[in-house]
N, C-alpha and C. Protein backbone atom coordinates (compact mmCIF):
# COMPACT_ATOMS: atom_id res chain seq x y z
N MET A 1 -2.76 12.63 0.75
CA MET A 1 -2.48 10.89 0.83
C MET A 1 -2.06 10.94 1.66
N GLN A 2 -2.88 9.93 3.31
CA GLN A 2 -2.01 10.20 4.47
C GLN A 2 -2.06 8.68 5.01
N ALA A 3 -0.38 8.21 5.25
CA ALA A 3 -0.19 6.80 5.31
C ALA A 3 -0.55 6.82 7.43
N SER A 4 -1.06 5.75 6.95
CA SER A 4 -1.51 5.08 8.78
C SER A 4 0.00 4.65 9.02
N ALA A 5 0.21 4.79 10.39
CA ALA A 5 1.13 4.06 11.04
C ALA A 5 0.18 2.94 12.16
N VAL A 6 1.17 1.58 12.54
CA VAL A 6 0.25 0.73 12.81
C VAL A 6 0.96 0.86 14.55
N LEU A 7 0.88 2.33 14.73
CA LEU A 7 1.56 2.09 15.98
C LEU A 7 -0.22 3.23 17.20
N PRO A 8 0.06 3.40 18.21
CA PRO A 8 0.83 2.73 19.55
C PRO A 8 0.75 1.14 19.48
N VAL A 9 -0.11 0.66 19.56
CA VAL A 9 -0.59 -0.47 20.24
C VAL A 9 -0.61 -1.66 19.18
N ALA A 10 -0.23 -3.13 18.16
CA ALA A 10 -0.03 -3.70 17.76
C ALA A 10 0.06 -5.11 18.27
N LEU A 11 -1.37 -5.48 18.40
CA LEU A 11 -0.84 -7.14 19.04
C LEU A 11 -1.11 -7.96 17.69
N PRO A 12 -0.46 -9.26 18.37
CA PRO A 12 -0.15 -10.26 17.23
C PRO A 12 -1.18 -11.66 17.84
N VAL A 13 -2.15 -12.00 16.58
CA VAL A 13 -3.12 -12.52 17.41
C VAL A 13 -3.01 -14.19 16.52
N ALA A 14 -2.05 -13.96 15.68
CA ALA A 14 -2.67 -15.43 14.67
C ALA A 14 -1.61 -16.12 15.28
N GLY A 15 -0.17 -15.92 16.24
CA GLY A 15 -0.18 -16.78 16.77
C GLY A 15 1.84 -16.99 16.54
N GLY A 16 2.89 -16.57 17.42
CA GLY A 16 4.09 -16.88 17.25
C GLY A 16 4.48 -15.39 16.66
N LEU A 17 6.03 -15.32 16.63
CA LEU A 17 6.40 -13.94 16.50
C LEU A 17 6.28 -13.32 15.04
N ALA A 18 6.23 -12.57 14.54
CA ALA A 18 6.02 -11.82 12.68
C ALA A 18 7.70 -12.48 11.96
N HIS A 19 7.14 -12.89 10.56
CA HIS A 19 8.25 -12.77 10.19
C HIS A 19 9.23 -11.94 9.64
N ALA A 20 10.59 -11.93 9.01
CA ALA A 20 10.65 -11.59 8.77
C ALA A 20 10.18 -10.56 6.75
N ALA A 21 10.58 -9.22 6.70
CA ALA A 21 9.93 -8.97 5.70
C ALA A 21 10.21 -9.66 4.33
N PRO A 22 9.68 -9.29 3.52
CA PRO A 22 10.30 -9.67 2.53
C PRO A 22 11.04 -8.49 1.43
N PRO A 23 11.98 -8.40 0.80
CA PRO A 23 12.56 -7.18 0.05
C PRO A 23 11.24 -6.22 0.07
N GLU A 24 11.59 -5.02 -0.02
CA GLU A 24 10.72 -4.14 0.17
C GLU A 24 9.94 -3.84 -0.98
N LYS A 25 10.35 -4.11 -2.59
CA LYS A 25 8.97 -4.42 -3.74
C LYS A 25 8.03 -5.52 -3.19
N GLY A 26 8.10 -6.49 -2.45
CA GLY A 26 6.99 -7.24 -2.42
C GLY A 26 6.80 -7.50 -1.11
N ILE A 27 6.84 -6.08 -0.69
CA ILE A 27 5.58 -5.76 0.40
C ILE A 27 4.22 -5.62 -0.01
N PRO A 28 3.43 -6.46 0.87
CA PRO A 28 2.19 -5.31 0.17
C PRO A 28 1.78 -4.62 0.96
N VAL A 29 0.94 -3.81 0.23
CA VAL A 29 -0.11 -2.46 0.71
C VAL A 29 -1.75 -2.71 0.51
N GLY A 30 -1.39 -2.40 1.82
CA GLY A 30 -3.34 -2.30 2.76
C GLY A 30 -3.97 -0.76 2.55
N LEU A 31 -5.04 -1.22 2.70
CA LEU A 31 -5.95 0.02 2.77
C LEU A 31 -6.69 -0.12 4.14
N GLU A 32 -6.98 1.27 5.07
CA GLU A 32 -7.80 1.00 5.73
C GLU A 32 -9.17 1.29 5.58
N LEU A 33 -9.71 0.19 5.74
CA LEU A 33 -11.26 0.21 5.50
C LEU A 33 -12.03 1.85 5.87
N TYR A 34 -11.87 2.37 7.03
CA TYR A 34 -12.27 3.46 7.54
C TYR A 34 -12.45 4.77 6.64
N SER A 35 -11.28 4.53 5.58
CA SER A 35 -11.35 5.09 4.41
C SER A 35 -12.12 4.96 3.30
N VAL A 36 -12.83 4.45 3.12
CA VAL A 36 -14.01 3.90 3.01
C VAL A 36 -15.11 3.40 3.07
N ARG A 37 -15.64 4.15 4.53
CA ARG A 37 -17.01 3.44 5.88
C ARG A 37 -17.91 3.58 4.92
N GLY A 38 -18.02 4.59 4.63
CA GLY A 38 -19.84 4.63 3.96
C GLY A 38 -19.91 3.86 2.90
N GLU A 39 -19.02 3.21 1.83
CA GLU A 39 -19.19 2.30 0.87
C GLU A 39 -19.26 0.81 1.65
N LEU A 40 -18.47 0.63 2.11
CA LEU A 40 -18.19 -0.75 3.38
C LEU A 40 -19.85 -0.85 4.23
N SER A 41 -20.45 0.07 4.21
CA SER A 41 -21.29 0.16 5.28
C SER A 41 -22.86 -0.29 4.35
N LYS A 42 -22.93 0.36 3.10
CA LYS A 42 -23.03 0.09 2.41
C LYS A 42 -23.26 -1.30 1.64
N ASP A 43 -22.66 -1.99 1.21
CA ASP A 43 -22.43 -3.60 1.05
C ASP A 43 -20.34 -3.78 1.14
N SER A 44 -20.49 -4.32 2.24
CA SER A 44 -19.09 -4.65 2.49
C SER A 44 -18.23 -5.90 1.15
N VAL A 45 -18.95 -6.66 0.67
CA VAL A 45 -18.68 -7.36 -0.37
C VAL A 45 -18.16 -6.54 -1.42
N ALA A 46 -18.95 -6.34 -1.82
CA ALA A 46 -18.55 -5.22 -3.43
C ALA A 46 -17.37 -4.37 -2.69
N THR A 47 -17.29 -3.53 -1.54
CA THR A 47 -16.18 -2.85 -1.05
C THR A 47 -15.10 -3.27 -1.41
N VAL A 48 -15.35 -4.94 -0.30
CA VAL A 48 -14.13 -5.61 -0.02
C VAL A 48 -13.00 -6.11 -1.35
N GLN A 49 -14.05 -6.09 -2.98
CA GLN A 49 -13.78 -7.06 -3.82
C GLN A 49 -12.85 -5.23 -4.79
N ALA A 50 -14.13 -3.95 -4.99
CA ALA A 50 -13.37 -3.39 -5.24
C ALA A 50 -11.95 -2.61 -5.21
N VAL A 51 -11.80 -2.58 -3.93
CA VAL A 51 -10.61 -2.67 -3.14
C VAL A 51 -9.40 -3.46 -3.40
N ALA A 52 -9.59 -4.80 -3.64
CA ALA A 52 -8.99 -6.03 -4.48
C ALA A 52 -8.67 -5.32 -5.57
N LYS A 53 -9.68 -4.95 -6.93
CA LYS A 53 -9.94 -5.02 -8.11
C LYS A 53 -8.61 -3.59 -8.16
N MET A 54 -8.65 -2.84 -7.25
CA MET A 54 -7.72 -1.72 -7.68
C MET A 54 -6.32 -1.77 -7.27
N GLY A 55 -6.10 -2.84 -7.00
CA GLY A 55 -4.64 -3.61 -6.75
C GLY A 55 -4.08 -3.26 -5.56
N TYR A 56 -4.54 -3.03 -4.39
CA TYR A 56 -4.37 -3.23 -2.93
C TYR A 56 -4.09 -4.69 -2.25
N GLN A 57 -3.05 -5.29 -1.73
CA GLN A 57 -2.94 -6.41 -1.57
C GLN A 57 -3.51 -6.68 -0.19
N ALA A 58 -3.77 -5.90 0.61
CA ALA A 58 -4.54 -5.80 2.07
C ALA A 58 -5.21 -5.26 2.37
N VAL A 59 -6.43 -5.18 3.63
CA VAL A 59 -7.25 -4.65 4.25
C VAL A 59 -6.87 -4.52 5.37
N GLU A 60 -7.06 -3.78 6.30
CA GLU A 60 -7.59 -3.60 7.16
C GLU A 60 -9.46 -3.27 7.63
N PHE A 61 -9.89 -3.63 8.51
CA PHE A 61 -11.19 -3.47 9.20
C PHE A 61 -11.48 -2.47 10.24
N TYR A 62 -12.16 -1.51 10.15
CA TYR A 62 -12.11 -1.11 11.57
C TYR A 62 -13.17 -1.30 12.64
N ALA A 63 -13.40 -0.80 13.53
CA ALA A 63 -14.13 -0.87 14.98
C ALA A 63 -15.42 -1.52 14.80
N PRO A 64 -16.11 -1.42 13.95
CA PRO A 64 -17.39 -2.84 13.79
C PRO A 64 -17.25 -3.89 13.60
N CYS A 65 -15.91 -4.17 13.37
CA CYS A 65 -15.71 -5.65 13.19
C CYS A 65 -15.84 -6.30 14.35
N PHE A 66 -15.98 -5.40 15.96
CA PHE A 66 -15.65 -6.11 16.85
C PHE A 66 -16.91 -6.89 17.45
N ASP A 67 -18.57 -6.08 16.84
CA ASP A 67 -19.38 -6.53 16.47
C ASP A 67 -20.06 -7.67 15.41
N TRP A 68 -18.74 -8.08 15.04
CA TRP A 68 -18.94 -9.29 13.73
C TRP A 68 -19.48 -10.54 14.78
N THR A 69 -20.15 -11.81 14.07
CA THR A 69 -20.48 -13.41 15.06
C THR A 69 -19.16 -13.81 13.89
N PRO A 70 -18.79 -14.72 15.00
CA PRO A 70 -18.07 -15.63 13.59
C PRO A 70 -18.23 -16.12 13.08
N ALA A 71 -19.74 -16.34 12.98
CA ALA A 71 -20.25 -17.24 11.39
C ALA A 71 -19.95 -15.82 10.40
N PHE A 72 -19.90 -14.61 10.73
CA PHE A 72 -19.98 -13.66 9.64
C PHE A 72 -18.08 -13.41 9.46
N ALA A 73 -17.73 -13.38 9.96
CA ALA A 73 -15.78 -13.75 10.32
C ALA A 73 -15.75 -14.59 8.65
N GLN A 74 -16.05 -15.72 9.16
CA GLN A 74 -16.12 -16.87 8.47
C GLN A 74 -16.92 -16.35 6.95
N ASP A 75 -17.74 -15.53 6.71
CA ASP A 75 -18.46 -15.09 5.65
C ASP A 75 -16.72 -14.08 4.95
N MET A 76 -16.52 -13.54 5.55
CA MET A 76 -16.03 -12.47 5.01
C MET A 76 -14.16 -12.93 4.92
N ARG A 77 -13.56 -13.76 5.78
CA ARG A 77 -12.45 -14.91 4.95
C ARG A 77 -12.88 -15.19 3.40
N LYS A 78 -13.96 -15.41 3.29
CA LYS A 78 -14.11 -16.13 2.45
C LYS A 78 -14.36 -15.23 0.97
N VAL A 79 -14.62 -13.86 1.38
CA VAL A 79 -15.23 -12.74 0.42
C VAL A 79 -13.27 -12.42 -0.03
N LEU A 80 -12.43 -12.64 1.18
CA LEU A 80 -11.24 -11.81 1.12
C LEU A 80 -10.30 -12.85 -0.04
N ASP A 81 -10.64 -14.11 0.19
CA ASP A 81 -10.14 -14.98 -0.09
C ASP A 81 -10.22 -15.30 -1.80
N ASP A 82 -11.62 -15.30 -2.11
CA ASP A 82 -11.85 -15.04 -2.97
C ASP A 82 -11.27 -14.15 -3.85
N ALA A 83 -11.14 -12.97 -3.37
CA ALA A 83 -11.07 -11.46 -4.24
C ALA A 83 -9.08 -11.59 -4.48
N GLY A 84 -9.32 -12.39 -3.55
CA GLY A 84 -7.32 -12.34 -3.65
C GLY A 84 -6.73 -11.09 -2.60
N ILE A 85 -7.08 -10.85 -1.66
CA ILE A 85 -6.62 -10.09 -0.52
C ILE A 85 -6.71 -10.35 0.74
N ARG A 86 -5.51 -9.81 1.35
CA ARG A 86 -5.36 -10.34 2.33
C ARG A 86 -5.79 -9.09 3.95
N CYS A 87 -6.69 -9.97 5.28
CA CYS A 87 -7.03 -8.97 6.13
C CYS A 87 -5.18 -8.53 7.23
N ARG A 88 -4.48 -7.47 7.08
CA ARG A 88 -3.59 -8.21 8.13
C ARG A 88 -3.90 -7.72 8.94
N SER A 89 -4.84 -6.97 9.42
CA SER A 89 -4.77 -6.20 11.24
C SER A 89 -6.23 -5.67 10.51
N THR A 90 -6.63 -5.38 11.97
CA THR A 90 -7.62 -4.50 12.59
C THR A 90 -7.10 -3.51 13.16
N HIS A 91 -8.26 -2.68 13.37
CA HIS A 91 -8.58 -1.02 13.55
C HIS A 91 -9.37 -0.94 15.10
N ASN A 92 -9.20 -1.18 16.54
CA ASN A 92 -10.07 -1.32 17.10
C ASN A 92 -10.10 -0.49 18.21
N ASN A 93 -10.64 -0.12 19.02
CA ASN A 93 -11.40 1.12 19.77
C ASN A 93 -11.45 0.61 20.95
N ALA A 94 -11.02 0.95 21.95
CA ALA A 94 -10.97 0.66 23.74
C ALA A 94 -11.07 -0.30 23.90
N PRO A 95 -12.73 -0.70 23.56
CA PRO A 95 -13.56 -2.01 24.16
C PRO A 95 -12.80 -3.42 23.77
N SER A 96 -12.30 -3.32 22.36
CA SER A 96 -11.39 -4.12 22.72
C SER A 96 -10.12 -4.81 23.12
N PHE A 97 -9.38 -3.72 24.35
CA PHE A 97 -8.45 -3.90 24.75
C PHE A 97 -9.05 -4.59 26.03
N THR A 98 -9.97 -4.40 26.38
CA THR A 98 -9.89 -5.30 27.82
C THR A 98 -9.59 -6.55 27.84
N ALA A 99 -9.84 -7.32 28.96
CA ALA A 99 -9.05 -8.41 29.55
C ALA A 99 -10.42 -9.30 28.33
N ASP A 100 -11.71 -9.16 28.81
CA ASP A 100 -12.56 -9.32 27.60
C ASP A 100 -12.46 -9.06 26.50
N GLY A 101 -12.57 -8.02 26.35
CA GLY A 101 -12.54 -7.58 24.98
C GLY A 101 -11.55 -8.20 24.04
N LEU A 102 -10.39 -8.43 24.33
CA LEU A 102 -8.90 -8.44 24.11
C LEU A 102 -8.88 -9.96 23.22
N LYS A 103 -9.69 -11.02 24.56
CA LYS A 103 -10.28 -12.53 23.80
C LYS A 103 -11.16 -12.26 23.05
N LYS A 104 -12.29 -11.75 23.05
CA LYS A 104 -13.21 -11.92 21.23
C LYS A 104 -12.50 -11.17 20.25
N ALA A 105 -11.63 -10.02 20.59
CA ALA A 105 -10.97 -9.49 19.68
C ALA A 105 -9.86 -10.21 18.73
N ALA A 106 -8.95 -11.57 19.31
CA ALA A 106 -8.45 -11.57 18.94
C ALA A 106 -9.46 -13.27 18.52
N GLU A 107 -9.94 -13.65 18.62
CA GLU A 107 -10.95 -14.83 17.71
C GLU A 107 -11.72 -14.53 17.07
N LEU A 108 -11.75 -13.10 17.08
CA LEU A 108 -12.89 -12.72 15.83
C LEU A 108 -11.72 -12.90 14.23
N ASN A 109 -10.77 -11.75 15.03
CA ASN A 109 -9.10 -11.49 13.90
C ASN A 109 -8.31 -13.01 13.48
N ARG A 110 -8.55 -13.86 14.40
CA ARG A 110 -7.89 -14.97 13.68
C ARG A 110 -8.73 -15.87 12.44
N ILE A 111 -10.15 -15.64 12.49
CA ILE A 111 -10.73 -16.28 11.47
C ILE A 111 -10.27 -15.85 10.05
N PRO A 112 -10.62 -14.50 9.70
CA PRO A 112 -10.76 -13.04 8.23
C PRO A 112 -8.74 -13.70 8.01
N GLY A 113 -7.97 -14.06 9.33
CA GLY A 113 -6.90 -14.07 8.64
C GLY A 113 -5.69 -12.80 9.86
N SER A 114 -6.21 -11.81 10.01
CA SER A 114 -5.60 -11.29 10.15
C SER A 114 -4.44 -10.98 11.46
N GLU A 115 -3.56 -10.64 11.27
CA GLU A 115 -2.47 -10.94 12.25
C GLU A 115 -2.10 -9.85 14.06
N PHE A 116 -2.83 -8.53 13.56
CA PHE A 116 -2.63 -7.77 14.45
C PHE A 116 -4.41 -7.24 15.13
N VAL A 117 -4.50 -7.12 16.33
CA VAL A 117 -5.37 -6.10 16.65
C VAL A 117 -4.67 -4.72 16.91
N VAL A 118 -5.04 -3.84 16.20
CA VAL A 118 -4.79 -2.21 16.41
C VAL A 118 -4.99 -1.14 16.90
N MET A 119 -4.98 -0.99 18.33
CA MET A 119 -5.50 0.55 18.71
C MET A 119 -5.76 1.10 17.93
N ALA A 120 -7.05 1.88 17.61
CA ALA A 120 -7.18 3.40 17.27
C ALA A 120 -6.69 4.56 17.33
N SER A 121 -7.08 3.94 18.56
CA SER A 121 -7.02 5.80 19.40
C SER A 121 -6.54 5.78 20.99
N THR A 122 -5.12 6.14 21.61
CA THR A 122 -5.09 6.07 22.98
C THR A 122 -5.52 6.56 23.99
N GLY A 123 -6.39 7.89 22.98
CA GLY A 123 -7.01 9.08 24.09
C GLY A 123 -6.65 10.25 24.03
N ARG A 124 -6.21 11.07 24.92
CA ARG A 124 -5.40 12.40 25.05
C ARG A 124 -4.26 11.86 26.17
N ILE A 125 -2.40 11.74 25.66
CA ILE A 125 -2.18 10.96 26.40
C ILE A 125 -1.06 12.31 26.18
N SER A 126 -0.38 13.19 27.82
CA SER A 126 0.34 14.09 27.82
C SER A 126 1.43 13.86 28.35
N SER A 127 1.43 12.95 29.11
CA SER A 127 3.49 12.64 29.68
C SER A 127 4.27 11.19 29.53
N LEU A 128 4.71 11.28 30.02
CA LEU A 128 5.42 9.53 29.82
C LEU A 128 5.08 9.23 30.16
N ASP A 129 4.99 9.05 31.91
CA ASP A 129 4.14 8.73 32.49
C ASP A 129 2.12 7.86 31.88
N GLY A 130 1.97 8.35 31.12
CA GLY A 130 0.77 7.82 30.74
C GLY A 130 0.89 7.03 29.71
N TRP A 131 1.79 7.79 28.64
CA TRP A 131 2.49 6.55 27.67
C TRP A 131 2.84 4.91 28.59
N LYS A 132 3.82 5.15 29.84
CA LYS A 132 4.11 4.48 30.25
C LYS A 132 3.05 3.54 31.10
N ALA A 133 2.30 4.25 31.40
CA ALA A 133 0.44 3.55 32.01
C ALA A 133 0.24 2.85 30.86
N LEU A 134 0.02 2.82 29.58
CA LEU A 134 -0.90 2.48 28.76
C LEU A 134 0.01 1.20 28.20
N CYS A 135 1.39 1.44 27.92
CA CYS A 135 1.98 0.20 27.68
C CYS A 135 2.37 -0.88 28.87
N GLY A 136 2.32 -0.60 29.75
CA GLY A 136 2.73 -1.64 30.79
C GLY A 136 0.84 -2.20 31.55
N ARG A 137 -0.29 -1.56 30.39
CA ARG A 137 -1.50 -2.28 30.95
C ARG A 137 -1.80 -3.49 29.64
N HIS A 138 -0.92 -3.21 28.71
CA HIS A 138 -0.61 -4.12 27.26
C HIS A 138 0.18 -5.26 27.18
N ALA A 139 1.37 -4.49 28.33
CA ALA A 139 2.27 -6.06 28.52
C ALA A 139 2.39 -6.93 28.37
N SER A 140 1.84 -7.53 29.12
CA SER A 140 1.55 -8.90 28.78
C SER A 140 0.85 -9.91 27.88
N GLU A 141 0.27 -8.79 27.11
CA GLU A 141 -0.42 -9.32 25.76
C GLU A 141 0.40 -9.34 24.47
N ALA A 142 1.49 -8.15 24.69
CA ALA A 142 1.40 -7.75 22.82
C ALA A 142 3.12 -8.78 23.40
N ALA A 143 3.37 -8.50 21.66
CA ALA A 143 4.66 -9.74 21.93
C ALA A 143 5.91 -8.89 21.18
N GLU A 144 6.67 -9.11 21.64
CA GLU A 144 8.05 -8.07 21.64
C GLU A 144 8.53 -7.55 19.97
N ALA A 145 8.29 -7.36 19.81
CA ALA A 145 8.79 -5.93 18.52
C ALA A 145 10.14 -6.65 17.34
N THR A 146 9.85 -6.85 16.62
CA THR A 146 11.29 -8.25 16.21
C THR A 146 11.13 -6.91 15.44
N GLY A 147 11.10 -5.72 14.53
CA GLY A 147 10.82 -4.80 14.01
C GLY A 147 11.39 -5.17 12.18
N GLY A 148 11.66 -4.11 11.22
CA GLY A 148 10.86 -4.59 9.81
C GLY A 148 10.10 -4.58 9.67
N VAL A 149 9.73 -4.47 8.56
CA VAL A 149 8.47 -3.81 7.32
C VAL A 149 7.58 -4.80 7.34
N GLU A 150 6.44 -5.02 7.61
CA GLU A 150 5.67 -5.96 7.63
C GLU A 150 4.55 -5.80 6.40
N TYR A 151 3.65 -4.58 6.24
CA TYR A 151 3.31 -4.27 5.02
C TYR A 151 3.10 -2.70 4.99
N TYR A 152 2.66 -1.78 4.25
CA TYR A 152 2.35 -0.69 4.33
C TYR A 152 0.32 -0.66 4.47
N LEU A 153 -0.48 0.54 5.46
CA LEU A 153 -0.94 0.68 5.36
C LEU A 153 -2.05 2.25 4.61
N ILE A 154 -2.64 2.34 3.91
CA ILE A 154 -2.65 3.79 3.64
C ILE A 154 -3.92 4.01 4.21
N GLU A 155 -4.29 5.15 4.49
CA GLU A 155 -5.54 5.71 5.49
C GLU A 155 -5.78 7.07 4.67
N GLN A 156 -6.43 7.35 4.33
CA GLN A 156 -7.42 8.63 3.72
C GLN A 156 -8.60 8.98 4.42
N GLU A 157 -8.64 10.19 4.93
CA GLU A 157 -9.99 10.64 6.19
C GLU A 157 -10.29 11.70 5.27
N GLY A 158 -11.25 11.96 4.39
CA GLY A 158 -11.79 13.17 3.26
C GLY A 158 -11.44 14.27 2.40
N SER A 159 -11.79 13.60 1.64
CA SER A 159 -11.17 14.22 -0.02
C SER A 159 -12.76 14.45 -0.82
N ARG A 160 -12.62 15.30 -1.44
CA ARG A 160 -13.24 15.85 -2.84
C ARG A 160 -13.41 15.17 -3.44
N TYR A 161 -13.24 13.84 -3.85
CA TYR A 161 -13.33 12.68 -4.57
C TYR A 161 -14.11 11.46 -3.74
N PRO A 162 -15.10 10.53 -4.68
CA PRO A 162 -15.54 9.94 -3.84
C PRO A 162 -15.05 8.87 -3.14
N GLU A 163 -15.17 7.75 -2.24
CA GLU A 163 -14.30 7.25 -1.06
C GLU A 163 -13.94 6.01 -1.94
N LEU A 164 -13.98 5.73 -2.60
CA LEU A 164 -13.49 4.34 -3.51
C LEU A 164 -12.67 5.60 -4.65
N GLU A 165 -12.87 6.23 -5.27
CA GLU A 165 -11.95 7.01 -6.35
C GLU A 165 -10.83 7.68 -5.57
N THR A 166 -10.83 7.82 -4.67
CA THR A 166 -9.83 8.63 -3.28
C THR A 166 -8.85 7.66 -3.40
N ALA A 167 -9.94 6.08 -2.76
CA ALA A 167 -8.60 4.91 -2.14
C ALA A 167 -7.87 4.50 -3.34
N GLU A 168 -7.95 4.51 -4.63
CA GLU A 168 -7.75 4.66 -5.63
C GLU A 168 -6.37 5.70 -5.91
N ARG A 169 -6.64 6.87 -5.99
CA ARG A 169 -5.54 7.50 -6.24
C ARG A 169 -4.60 7.81 -5.11
N CYS A 170 -5.49 7.74 -3.66
CA CYS A 170 -3.92 6.96 -2.93
C CYS A 170 -3.13 5.61 -3.30
N LEU A 171 -3.55 5.09 -4.03
CA LEU A 171 -2.99 3.97 -4.34
C LEU A 171 -2.13 4.06 -5.43
N GLU A 172 -2.93 5.01 -6.09
CA GLU A 172 -2.05 5.60 -7.05
C GLU A 172 -0.47 6.46 -6.83
N ASN A 173 -1.11 7.04 -5.60
CA ASN A 173 0.55 8.11 -5.56
C ASN A 173 0.97 7.30 -5.02
N TRP A 174 0.51 6.72 -3.99
CA TRP A 174 1.85 5.55 -3.70
C TRP A 174 2.80 5.17 -4.10
N ARG A 175 2.29 4.49 -5.44
CA ARG A 175 3.09 3.64 -6.63
C ARG A 175 4.20 4.73 -6.81
N LYS A 176 3.29 5.96 -7.68
CA LYS A 176 4.27 7.33 -7.09
C LYS A 176 5.76 7.88 -6.28
N LEU A 177 5.21 7.63 -5.80
CA LEU A 177 6.45 7.75 -4.31
C LEU A 177 7.29 7.03 -4.03
N ARG A 178 6.84 5.89 -4.69
CA ARG A 178 7.73 4.16 -3.91
C ARG A 178 8.55 3.90 -5.91
N ALA A 179 8.19 5.04 -6.72
CA ALA A 179 8.37 4.50 -8.16
C ALA A 179 10.19 4.87 -8.42
C-alpha cells in the first residue's frame, strides 16, 4: 500500500479556509481513482459506486477530469451523492496550473464538491531555487496552510490483483494499521 500525500501543491477551490479536522477516527479515507484507472475508463459510474461500497468515504479524480464538461461534472456529482461518497480533490497535470487552466480546473472542481486542485507532479526539481520558483508561481492562487489532517488519500499503482480488489485490500490494510 502506498499512501499519497496531497503535496506539493493543493489549492483550495471551494472558497474560504479549510475547517479544522475532526478527531482522527472521524477523518475520512479516500482513494485516488488513478489506482483504478482501467475500471474508471470502462465505466466511471460503476467504479465510483464500487469504491463507495467498499467503504471509502472520498475519491480523488485524476487528470482526465480536466476534459469534463460542466454537464458531465454535474452528472458525476449526482453519482457521488447517490453513492454517499465525496470528491475531496482532483489530481491534475500542468495544464491545470496555467492562468486559464486554473480557472477551468477550479470551475470543474466546484461542481462535484472538490475542495482542492492537487498538482500530480512537479516535474524534476533539483534545487531549493526550483522549489521557490514553483511555489512563487502559485502563491497568488494558494491559500495559507492551516495545518491538521483533512482526510487520508490512498493511492496504489501496480499490483498482482485486479484494480478494484487492490483498492479494497489497501483499505483493509489501512484499517489494520490504524486499529
